[in-house]
Amino acid sequence: MKFPKQMKRYCPTCKKHTTQTLSVAKQKSRSSTHPLSRGSTPRLKSRSIRMGYGNQGRYSRKGPKDWKRKTKMTKRLTVLYTCSVCKKAKGMISAIRTARLEIGEKVAK
């Protein structure tokens, strides 16, 4: 996908349209700083939900061992818009799933 280097957008802090520069932020996953976040394996093991088999919903069976999981071809990227007046950054509402994101190319409207 191609995006311009700068574009005019509405800034919610300035409450007017300003020129904003674009940058890319990679989507973050569950990190080692927050290992006990909701639904994580260490949290479920500490609460004795992930132990044993039988009568525990989706944890009542052994996981799939032998089938190969298909890896995704694209990464999820978020475009950050930085206001030139107040220098505040605002991300897009939903991230884009794309293989390559080019910023600074000339885009014809």
N, C-alpha and C. Protein backbone atom coordinates (compact mmCIF):
# COMPACT_ATOMS: atom_id res chain seq x y z
N MET A 1 0.83 -1.18 0.00
CA MET A 1 0.00 0.00 0.00
C MET A 1 0.87 1.24 0.00
N LYS A 2 0.40 2.27 -0.67
CA LYS A 2 1.15 3.52 -0.75
C LYS A 2 0.40 4.63 -0.03
N PHE A 3 1.15 5.39 0.77
CA PHE A 3 0.61 6.53 1.49
C PHE A 3 1.48 7.74 1.24
N PRO A 4 0.91 8.96 1.25
CA PRO A 4 1.74 10.15 1.12
C PRO A 4 2.50 10.42 2.42
N LYS A 5 3.56 11.25 2.33
CA LYS A 5 4.37 11.55 3.51
C LYS A 5 3.62 12.46 4.48
N GLN A 6 2.85 13.40 3.93
CA GLN A 6 2.05 14.32 4.73
C GLN A 6 0.66 14.41 4.16
N MET A 7 -0.32 14.64 5.03
CA MET A 7 -1.68 14.86 4.55
C MET A 7 -2.43 15.76 5.53
N LYS A 8 -3.47 16.40 5.04
CA LYS A 8 -4.28 17.27 5.89
C LYS A 8 -5.40 16.43 6.49
N ARG A 9 -5.44 16.41 7.84
CA ARG A 9 -6.46 15.66 8.56
C ARG A 9 -6.95 16.49 9.74
N TYR A 10 -8.06 16.04 10.32
CA TYR A 10 -8.61 16.71 11.49
C TYR A 10 -7.83 16.25 12.73
N CYS A 11 -7.36 17.22 13.53
CA CYS A 11 -6.66 16.92 14.78
C CYS A 11 -7.64 17.13 15.94
N PRO A 12 -7.91 16.08 16.75
CA PRO A 12 -8.88 16.23 17.83
C PRO A 12 -8.40 17.12 18.98
N THR A 13 -7.08 17.26 19.17
CA THR A 13 -6.58 18.14 20.24
C THR A 13 -6.59 19.60 19.81
N CYS A 14 -6.21 19.88 18.56
CA CYS A 14 -6.25 21.26 18.05
C CYS A 14 -7.67 21.67 17.66
N LYS A 15 -8.53 20.69 17.39
CA LYS A 15 -9.92 20.89 16.94
C LYS A 15 -10.00 21.65 15.62
N LYS A 16 -9.04 21.35 14.72
CA LYS A 16 -9.06 21.92 13.37
C LYS A 16 -8.24 21.04 12.44
N HIS A 17 -8.33 21.29 11.16
CA HIS A 17 -7.57 20.53 10.18
C HIS A 17 -6.13 21.04 10.12
N THR A 18 -5.17 20.13 10.26
CA THR A 18 -3.75 20.48 10.21
C THR A 18 -3.02 19.49 9.32
N THR A 19 -1.80 19.84 8.90
CA THR A 19 -0.97 18.90 8.15
C THR A 19 -0.36 17.91 9.14
N GLN A 20 -0.43 16.65 8.79
CA GLN A 20 0.05 15.61 9.68
C GLN A 20 1.00 14.68 8.94
N THR A 21 2.09 14.30 9.61
CA THR A 21 3.05 13.37 9.02
C THR A 21 2.68 11.94 9.40
N LEU A 22 2.99 11.01 8.52
CA LEU A 22 2.63 9.62 8.72
C LEU A 22 3.83 8.79 9.13
N SER A 23 3.62 7.84 10.03
CA SER A 23 4.64 6.86 10.41
C SER A 23 3.95 5.54 10.69
N VAL A 24 4.73 4.47 10.71
CA VAL A 24 4.16 3.13 10.88
C VAL A 24 4.51 2.58 12.25
N ALA A 25 3.52 2.04 12.94
CA ALA A 25 3.74 1.37 14.22
C ALA A 25 3.31 -0.08 14.07
N LYS A 26 4.19 -1.00 14.47
CA LYS A 26 3.88 -2.41 14.37
C LYS A 26 2.91 -2.81 15.47
N GLN A 27 1.99 -3.72 15.16
CA GLN A 27 1.01 -4.17 16.15
C GLN A 27 1.71 -4.96 17.25
N LYS A 28 1.47 -4.61 18.48
CA LYS A 28 2.15 -5.27 19.59
C LYS A 28 1.36 -6.48 20.06
N SER A 29 2.11 -7.49 20.51
CA SER A 29 1.48 -8.71 21.02
C SER A 29 1.64 -8.77 22.53
N ARG A 30 1.20 -9.86 23.13
CA ARG A 30 1.35 -10.04 24.57
C ARG A 30 2.83 -10.18 24.90
N SER A 31 3.31 -9.36 25.81
CA SER A 31 4.74 -9.31 26.07
C SER A 31 5.08 -9.95 27.40
N SER A 32 6.36 -10.02 27.68
CA SER A 32 6.82 -10.59 28.94
C SER A 32 6.58 -9.65 30.11
N THR A 33 6.26 -8.39 29.80
CA THR A 33 5.96 -7.44 30.88
C THR A 33 4.59 -7.72 31.49
N HIS A 34 3.66 -8.20 30.68
CA HIS A 34 2.31 -8.53 31.15
C HIS A 34 2.01 -10.00 30.87
N PRO A 35 2.66 -10.93 31.59
CA PRO A 35 2.45 -12.35 31.27
C PRO A 35 1.12 -12.88 31.77
N LEU A 36 0.53 -12.23 32.77
CA LEU A 36 -0.72 -12.74 33.34
C LEU A 36 -1.93 -11.99 32.81
N SER A 37 -1.87 -11.58 31.52
CA SER A 37 -3.02 -10.93 30.93
C SER A 37 -4.10 -11.96 30.64
N ARG A 38 -5.31 -11.50 30.47
CA ARG A 38 -6.48 -12.38 30.38
C ARG A 38 -6.37 -13.36 29.22
N GLY A 39 -6.58 -14.63 29.51
CA GLY A 39 -6.55 -15.68 28.49
C GLY A 39 -5.18 -16.25 28.22
N SER A 40 -4.14 -15.78 28.90
CA SER A 40 -2.80 -16.29 28.67
C SER A 40 -2.61 -17.62 29.39
N THR A 41 -1.73 -18.46 28.87
CA THR A 41 -1.48 -19.79 29.44
C THR A 41 -0.94 -19.75 30.87
N PRO A 42 0.04 -18.88 31.21
CA PRO A 42 0.51 -18.86 32.60
C PRO A 42 -0.59 -18.47 33.61
N ARG A 43 -1.47 -17.59 33.20
CA ARG A 43 -2.57 -17.18 34.09
C ARG A 43 -3.54 -18.33 34.31
N LEU A 44 -3.87 -19.06 33.23
CA LEU A 44 -4.79 -20.18 33.35
C LEU A 44 -4.18 -21.31 34.18
N LYS A 45 -2.86 -21.50 34.05
CA LYS A 45 -2.19 -22.54 34.83
C LYS A 45 -2.16 -22.18 36.31
N SER A 46 -1.99 -20.89 36.62
CA SER A 46 -1.97 -20.46 38.01
C SER A 46 -3.35 -20.56 38.65
N ARG A 47 -4.39 -20.48 37.84
CA ARG A 47 -5.75 -20.60 38.35
C ARG A 47 -6.26 -22.03 38.28
N SER A 48 -5.38 -22.97 37.92
CA SER A 48 -5.70 -24.41 37.83
C SER A 48 -6.80 -24.71 36.83
N ILE A 49 -6.85 -23.94 35.75
CA ILE A 49 -7.84 -24.17 34.70
C ILE A 49 -7.24 -25.05 33.62
N ARG A 50 -5.94 -24.91 33.39
CA ARG A 50 -5.26 -25.60 32.30
C ARG A 50 -4.72 -26.97 32.74
N MET A 51 -4.97 -27.42 33.96
CA MET A 51 -4.44 -28.69 34.44
C MET A 51 -5.41 -29.82 34.11
N GLY A 52 -4.87 -30.98 33.78
CA GLY A 52 -5.68 -32.20 33.64
C GLY A 52 -6.60 -32.18 32.43
N TYR A 53 -7.40 -33.21 32.31
CA TYR A 53 -8.31 -33.37 31.18
C TYR A 53 -9.69 -33.73 31.69
N GLY A 54 -10.69 -33.44 30.90
CA GLY A 54 -12.05 -33.84 31.20
C GLY A 54 -12.84 -32.80 31.96
N ASN A 55 -14.03 -32.47 31.40
CA ASN A 55 -15.01 -31.58 32.03
C ASN A 55 -14.46 -30.17 32.28
N GLN A 56 -13.66 -29.65 31.34
CA GLN A 56 -13.14 -28.30 31.48
C GLN A 56 -13.29 -27.48 30.19
N GLY A 57 -14.34 -27.74 29.45
CA GLY A 57 -14.60 -26.97 28.25
C GLY A 57 -13.56 -27.18 27.18
N ARG A 58 -12.96 -26.08 26.71
CA ARG A 58 -12.00 -26.19 25.60
C ARG A 58 -10.65 -26.72 26.06
N TYR A 59 -10.41 -26.82 27.36
CA TYR A 59 -9.15 -27.36 27.88
C TYR A 59 -9.27 -28.83 28.26
N SER A 60 -10.32 -29.49 27.80
CA SER A 60 -10.57 -30.87 28.21
C SER A 60 -9.87 -31.89 27.32
N ARG A 61 -9.13 -31.44 26.34
CA ARG A 61 -8.44 -32.39 25.46
C ARG A 61 -7.01 -31.92 25.22
N LYS A 62 -6.20 -32.85 24.77
CA LYS A 62 -4.82 -32.51 24.44
C LYS A 62 -4.80 -31.68 23.16
N GLY A 63 -3.87 -30.76 23.05
CA GLY A 63 -3.79 -29.89 21.88
C GLY A 63 -3.31 -30.62 20.64
N PRO A 64 -3.51 -30.04 19.46
CA PRO A 64 -3.06 -30.68 18.23
C PRO A 64 -1.54 -30.66 18.14
N LYS A 65 -0.94 -31.82 17.96
CA LYS A 65 0.52 -31.92 17.95
C LYS A 65 1.08 -31.96 16.53
N ASP A 66 0.48 -32.78 15.70
CA ASP A 66 1.14 -33.15 14.45
C ASP A 66 0.75 -32.31 13.24
N TRP A 67 -0.33 -31.50 13.33
CA TRP A 67 -0.64 -30.74 12.12
C TRP A 67 0.09 -29.42 12.11
N LYS A 68 0.55 -29.05 10.91
CA LYS A 68 1.36 -27.84 10.74
C LYS A 68 0.44 -26.65 10.58
N ARG A 69 0.69 -25.64 11.37
CA ARG A 69 -0.14 -24.44 11.30
C ARG A 69 0.35 -23.53 10.16
N LYS A 70 -0.60 -23.00 9.40
CA LYS A 70 -0.25 -22.12 8.29
C LYS A 70 0.11 -20.74 8.85
N THR A 71 1.26 -20.21 8.45
CA THR A 71 1.67 -18.89 8.91
C THR A 71 1.06 -17.82 8.02
N LYS A 72 0.79 -16.67 8.62
CA LYS A 72 0.20 -15.58 7.86
C LYS A 72 1.27 -14.90 7.00
N MET A 73 0.88 -14.47 5.82
CA MET A 73 1.81 -13.87 4.87
C MET A 73 2.00 -12.37 5.13
N THR A 74 1.05 -11.76 5.83
CA THR A 74 1.11 -10.32 6.03
C THR A 74 1.17 -9.98 7.52
N LYS A 75 1.66 -8.78 7.82
CA LYS A 75 1.70 -8.29 9.19
C LYS A 75 0.60 -7.24 9.35
N ARG A 76 0.17 -7.06 10.60
CA ARG A 76 -0.82 -6.03 10.88
C ARG A 76 -0.10 -4.75 11.29
N LEU A 77 -0.30 -3.69 10.53
CA LEU A 77 0.40 -2.43 10.76
C LEU A 77 -0.59 -1.31 11.05
N THR A 78 -0.20 -0.44 11.96
CA THR A 78 -1.02 0.72 12.30
C THR A 78 -0.31 1.98 11.80
N VAL A 79 -1.06 2.85 11.14
CA VAL A 79 -0.50 4.12 10.65
C VAL A 79 -0.74 5.17 11.71
N LEU A 80 0.34 5.84 12.14
CA LEU A 80 0.25 6.91 13.13
C LEU A 80 0.31 8.26 12.43
N TYR A 81 -0.60 9.15 12.78
CA TYR A 81 -0.63 10.49 12.24
C TYR A 81 -0.15 11.45 13.32
N THR A 82 0.97 12.18 13.08
CA THR A 82 1.51 13.14 14.04
C THR A 82 1.19 14.55 13.57
N CYS A 83 0.53 15.31 14.42
CA CYS A 83 0.14 16.68 14.09
C CYS A 83 1.36 17.59 14.08
N SER A 84 1.44 18.48 13.11
CA SER A 84 2.59 19.38 13.00
C SER A 84 2.49 20.56 13.97
N VAL A 85 1.29 20.87 14.46
CA VAL A 85 1.09 22.00 15.36
C VAL A 85 1.32 21.59 16.82
N CYS A 86 0.59 20.57 17.29
CA CYS A 86 0.68 20.19 18.71
C CYS A 86 1.57 18.97 18.95
N LYS A 87 2.08 18.34 17.89
CA LYS A 87 3.00 17.19 17.95
C LYS A 87 2.39 15.96 18.63
N LYS A 88 1.07 15.87 18.68
CA LYS A 88 0.40 14.69 19.25
C LYS A 88 0.17 13.67 18.15
N ALA A 89 0.36 12.39 18.50
CA ALA A 89 0.18 11.32 17.52
C ALA A 89 -1.16 10.63 17.75
N LYS A 90 -1.82 10.30 16.66
CA LYS A 90 -3.11 9.61 16.72
C LYS A 90 -3.06 8.46 15.74
N GLY A 91 -3.38 7.27 16.21
CA GLY A 91 -3.39 6.09 15.35
C GLY A 91 -4.69 5.97 14.60
N MET A 92 -4.70 5.11 13.57
CA MET A 92 -5.94 4.88 12.87
C MET A 92 -6.86 4.01 13.73
N ILE A 93 -8.14 3.96 13.36
CA ILE A 93 -9.14 3.25 14.15
C ILE A 93 -8.85 1.75 14.12
N SER A 94 -8.60 1.20 12.94
CA SER A 94 -8.28 -0.22 12.84
C SER A 94 -7.00 -0.39 12.04
N ALA A 95 -6.21 -1.39 12.39
CA ALA A 95 -4.93 -1.62 11.73
C ALA A 95 -5.14 -2.22 10.34
N ILE A 96 -4.16 -2.01 9.46
CA ILE A 96 -4.21 -2.54 8.10
C ILE A 96 -3.36 -3.80 8.05
N ARG A 97 -3.88 -4.83 7.40
CA ARG A 97 -3.09 -6.04 7.19
C ARG A 97 -2.53 -5.97 5.77
N THR A 98 -1.21 -5.79 5.68
CA THR A 98 -0.57 -5.66 4.38
C THR A 98 0.85 -6.20 4.44
N ALA A 99 1.37 -6.60 3.29
CA ALA A 99 2.73 -7.13 3.22
C ALA A 99 3.75 -5.99 3.29
N ARG A 100 3.48 -4.90 2.57
CA ARG A 100 4.42 -3.79 2.54
C ARG A 100 3.65 -2.47 2.55
N LEU A 101 4.14 -1.51 3.32
CA LEU A 101 3.51 -0.21 3.42
C LEU A 101 4.54 0.85 3.07
N GLU A 102 4.32 1.58 1.99
CA GLU A 102 5.27 2.60 1.55
C GLU A 102 4.74 3.98 1.90
N ILE A 103 5.56 4.77 2.60
CA ILE A 103 5.20 6.14 2.95
C ILE A 103 6.16 7.08 2.24
N GLY A 104 5.61 8.08 1.57
CA GLY A 104 6.45 9.05 0.87
C GLY A 104 6.37 8.93 -0.64
N GLU A 105 5.67 7.94 -1.13
CA GLU A 105 5.50 7.80 -2.57
C GLU A 105 4.45 8.80 -3.06
N LYS A 106 4.58 9.18 -4.32
CA LYS A 106 3.62 10.12 -4.88
C LYS A 106 2.34 9.36 -5.22
N VAL A 107 1.24 9.76 -4.60
CA VAL A 107 -0.03 9.07 -4.79
C VAL A 107 -0.96 9.95 -5.60
N ALA A 108 -1.43 9.44 -6.73
CA ALA A 108 -2.36 10.19 -7.57
C ALA A 108 -3.78 10.02 -7.04
N LYS A 109 -4.50 11.15 -6.93
CA LYS A 109 -5.89 11.06 -6.42
C LYS A 109 -6.86 10.75 -7.52
